[in-house]
């Protein structure tokens, strides 16, 4: 046979054709085409995918696990903070009024309070009208209500050294206000002389001392208005804006107090470590958000 002479141009063309057909190049023997590897690399959690993103809770490690833990911790904190629609977690800061609240050590041996519901039930005035009945009769009772407030203020006299009411530290429960308000007052009466302990009343409503937000939370819970303790920063956005007819809450990131049917309930400004939280004088009001429980 006569040998066929290949020109240089022919050789170059054959090499190019071989490369195009995948017959050689950098891929090893048995390697799939490059295009076949791309989908697995983009799978989320796919087995063997070098750039796969681990799924939380499915054996994920590193940052995925850390994020899962952080999410769980945040969820637990929100559960402890109670119902607070449309807001994130608010952590309580140092109470600027703590020095005026006669703080005592956490080791103080004071009796524990009953649950707010028990406290609210124990002192509700006999024959109290329902909320609906009060609202129907509100117009004709408004004048009598104002007169009762005036009479109540005459009875409430401060203890020397501060603004706490005297006697046993409790205030009368009026009969012409909604039952929820009566229960709030009863709840405030139940812990009126408890010592101030920063953070008291947050892990549980049942405690042997309460800080400012623990005190307000306890009284509101006694009225059935709150299901879990809130810190003062939470109370600054809780409920509805502005003053209420019967209950008005004043709160910022560090301190909170309230006015219940004309009487102030505050840990700051008391007359001593076991003096009443019910005060006869108005606390400074500047710098506080003003809120009230819905319908109150």
Foldseek 3Di string as FASTA:
>chain_A
DDDDDDDPVNVVVVVVVCVVVVVDDDDDPPDDPPVVLPVLLPDACRPPNPNHPDDQPPPDDDPSPVVVVVVVVQVVQVVLQADFPPDGRFDADAAPQVVQLAADDQPDDFAKFDALQVLLVPQQDPPADAQVVLVVCVVVCVVVLVVVLVVQLVQFDADPQFFQGDDLRAGDQDRNHHSLLSQLSSQLSRCFQAFAHVVPQRVHLIGRHHHQQSSNQSSNVSSVLGDHGHHQCSVLRPAAFDADPAKKKWGHSRHIWIHGSHWTFGSGGHRHRRGGSTGSDDDDRPPTTIHDHPPD
